[in-house]
Amino acid sequence: MPNTQSAKKRLRQNEVRRLRNRGVRSNMRGAVRRVREAIAAGDHEKAQGEFRLACKKLDQAAARNVIHRNAAARTKSRLSSALKKATQAA
């Protein structure tokens, strides 16, 4: 447990930030999962829309340092190539 006032404040701030980051990460993961599910189901129109939303969520998470910006770029790239591959196969 924190002993000093500044350590107590830091603990409170960390708790608030942890919960906020958790929500951002959860929304981001859900958006990515929905893209992958739409691709697997063969619904290309839905996958396109979900991909745009997932890109936005990934960029927001990277901007808030929830994930690294290169991790966001890598995930977007992989989703994009999977979407392109599925669209060409159909």
C-alpha atoms as a PDB file:
ATOM      1  CA  MET A   1       0.000   0.000   0.000  1.00  0.00           C
ATOM      2  CA  PRO A   2       1.199   3.533  -0.698  1.00  0.00           C
ATOM      3  CA  ASN A   3       2.504   5.523   2.223  1.00  0.00           C
ATOM      4  CA  THR A   4       2.958   9.021   0.830  1.00  0.00           C
ATOM      5  CA  GLN A   5       0.296  11.353  -0.527  1.00  0.00           C
ATOM      6  CA  SER A   6       1.883  11.366  -3.975  1.00  0.00           C
ATOM      7  CA  ALA A   7       1.959   7.551  -4.057  1.00  0.00           C
ATOM      8  CA  LYS A   8      -1.725   7.445  -3.068  1.00  0.00           C
ATOM      9  CA  LYS A   9      -2.583   9.856  -5.864  1.00  0.00           C
ATOM     10  CA  ARG A  10      -0.505   7.837  -8.326  1.00  0.00           C
ATOM     11  CA  LEU A  11      -2.435   4.706  -7.310  1.00  0.00           C
ATOM     12  CA  ARG A  12      -5.756   6.463  -7.966  1.00  0.00           C
ATOM     13  CA  GLN A  13      -4.565   7.737 -11.343  1.00  0.00           C
ATOM     14  CA  ASN A  14      -3.259   4.315 -12.352  1.00  0.00           C
ATOM     15  CA  GLU A  15      -6.594   2.717 -11.515  1.00  0.00           C
ATOM     16  CA  VAL A  16      -8.536   5.226 -13.647  1.00  0.00           C
ATOM     17  CA  ARG A  17      -6.109   4.857 -16.563  1.00  0.00           C
ATOM     18  CA  ARG A  18      -6.112   1.077 -16.318  1.00  0.00           C
ATOM     19  CA  LEU A  19      -9.894   0.948 -16.604  1.00  0.00           C
ATOM     20  CA  ARG A  20      -9.900   3.432 -19.488  1.00  0.00           C
ATOM     21  CA  ASN A  21      -7.200   1.506 -21.349  1.00  0.00           C
ATOM     22  CA  ARG A  22      -9.068  -1.721 -20.729  1.00  0.00           C
ATOM     23  CA  GLY A  23     -12.156  -0.312 -22.452  1.00  0.00           C
ATOM     24  CA  VAL A  24     -10.151   0.974 -25.409  1.00  0.00           C
ATOM     25  CA  ARG A  25      -8.373  -2.373 -25.799  1.00  0.00           C
ATOM     26  CA  SER A  26     -11.639  -4.301 -25.516  1.00  0.00           C
ATOM     27  CA  ASN A  27     -13.350  -2.190 -28.205  1.00  0.00           C
ATOM     28  CA  MET A  28     -10.314  -2.547 -30.466  1.00  0.00           C
ATOM     29  CA  ARG A  29     -10.164  -6.326 -30.091  1.00  0.00           C
ATOM     30  CA  GLY A  30     -13.896  -6.628 -30.716  1.00  0.00           C
ATOM     31  CA  ALA A  31     -13.633  -4.597 -33.906  1.00  0.00           C
ATOM     32  CA  VAL A  32     -10.762  -6.741 -35.189  1.00  0.00           C
ATOM     33  CA  ARG A  33     -12.650  -9.924 -34.303  1.00  0.00           C
ATOM     34  CA  ARG A  34     -15.743  -8.731 -36.206  1.00  0.00           C
ATOM     35  CA  VAL A  35     -13.626  -8.133 -39.328  1.00  0.00           C
ATOM     36  CA  ARG A  36     -12.167 -11.630 -39.141  1.00  0.00           C
ATOM     37  CA  GLU A  37     -15.602 -13.167 -38.599  1.00  0.00           C
ATOM     38  CA  ALA A  38     -17.062 -11.297 -41.582  1.00  0.00           C
ATOM     39  CA  ILE A  39     -14.168 -12.451 -43.775  1.00  0.00           C
ATOM     40  CA  ALA A  40     -14.626 -16.044 -42.614  1.00  0.00           C
ATOM     41  CA  ALA A  41     -18.372 -15.855 -43.303  1.00  0.00           C
ATOM     42  CA  GLY A  42     -17.707 -14.522 -46.807  1.00  0.00           C
ATOM     43  CA  ASP A  43     -19.660 -11.304 -46.227  1.00  0.00           C
ATOM     44  CA  HIS A  44     -17.373  -8.878 -48.067  1.00  0.00           C
ATOM     45  CA  GLU A  45     -19.588  -5.808 -47.773  1.00  0.00           C
ATOM     46  CA  LYS A  46     -19.845  -6.177 -44.012  1.00  0.00           C
ATOM     47  CA  ALA A  47     -16.123  -6.944 -43.784  1.00  0.00           C
ATOM     48  CA  GLN A  48     -15.297  -3.695 -45.618  1.00  0.00           C
ATOM     49  CA  GLY A  49     -17.373  -1.644 -43.207  1.00  0.00           C
ATOM     50  CA  GLU A  50     -16.010  -3.431 -40.158  1.00  0.00           C
ATOM     51  CA  PHE A  51     -12.472  -3.007 -41.488  1.00  0.00           C
ATOM     52  CA  ARG A  52     -12.870   0.774 -41.626  1.00  0.00           C
ATOM     53  CA  LEU A  53     -14.152   0.786 -38.049  1.00  0.00           C
ATOM     54  CA  ALA A  54     -11.342  -1.516 -36.893  1.00  0.00           C
ATOM     55  CA  CYS A  55      -8.730   0.770 -38.465  1.00  0.00           C
ATOM     56  CA  LYS A  56     -10.183   3.690 -36.560  1.00  0.00           C
ATOM     57  CA  LYS A  57     -10.166   1.765 -33.271  1.00  0.00           C
ATOM     58  CA  LEU A  58      -6.582   0.587 -33.848  1.00  0.00           C
ATOM     59  CA  ASP A  59      -5.422   4.126 -34.574  1.00  0.00           C
ATOM     60  CA  GLN A  60      -7.159   5.433 -31.460  1.00  0.00           C
ATOM     61  CA  ALA A  61      -5.559   2.748 -29.294  1.00  0.00           C
ATOM     62  CA  ALA A  62      -2.144   3.546 -30.775  1.00  0.00           C
ATOM     63  CA  ALA A  63      -2.645   7.278 -30.226  1.00  0.00           C
ATOM     64  CA  ARG A  64      -3.431   6.636 -26.563  1.00  0.00           C
ATOM     65  CA  ASN A  65      -0.406   4.335 -26.194  1.00  0.00           C
ATOM     66  CA  VAL A  66      -2.607   1.369 -25.339  1.00  0.00           C
ATOM     67  CA  ILE A  67      -0.767  -0.539 -28.067  1.00  0.00           C
ATOM     68  CA  HIS A  68       2.360   0.348 -29.996  1.00  0.00           C
ATOM     69  CA  ARG A  69       1.803   2.226 -33.255  1.00  0.00           C
ATOM     70  CA  ASN A  70       3.708  -0.423 -35.203  1.00  0.00           C
ATOM     71  CA  ALA A  71       1.463  -3.129 -33.724  1.00  0.00           C
ATOM     72  CA  ALA A  72      -1.565  -1.165 -34.936  1.00  0.00           C
ATOM     73  CA  ALA A  73      -0.039  -0.781 -38.404  1.00  0.00           C
ATOM     74  CA  ARG A  74       0.833  -4.485 -38.533  1.00  0.00           C
ATOM     75  CA  THR A  75      -2.682  -5.516 -37.544  1.00  0.00           C
ATOM     76  CA  LYS A  76      -4.256  -3.191 -40.111  1.00  0.00           C
ATOM     77  CA  SER A  77      -1.937  -4.545 -42.794  1.00  0.00           C
ATOM     78  CA  ARG A  78      -2.786  -8.152 -42.002  1.00  0.00           C
ATOM     79  CA  LEU A  79      -6.505  -7.452 -41.933  1.00  0.00           C
ATOM     80  CA  SER A  80      -6.250  -5.574 -45.223  1.00  0.00           C
ATOM     81  CA  SER A  81      -4.383  -8.387 -46.960  1.00  0.00           C
ATOM     82  CA  ALA A  82      -6.844 -10.988 -45.602  1.00  0.00           C
ATOM     83  CA  LEU A  83      -9.750  -8.895 -46.839  1.00  0.00           C
ATOM     84  CA  LYS A  84      -8.155  -8.427 -50.252  1.00  0.00           C
ATOM     85  CA  LYS A  85      -7.359 -12.129 -50.534  1.00  0.00           C
ATOM     86  CA  ALA A  86     -10.932 -13.116 -49.598  1.00  0.00           C
ATOM     87  CA  THR A  87     -12.416 -10.597 -52.034  1.00  0.00           C
ATOM     88  CA  GLN A  88     -10.267 -11.838 -54.926  1.00  0.00           C
ATOM     89  CA  ALA A  89     -11.068 -15.473 -54.168  1.00  0.00           C
ATOM     90  CA  ALA A  90     -14.810 -14.814 -54.352  1.00  0.00           C
END
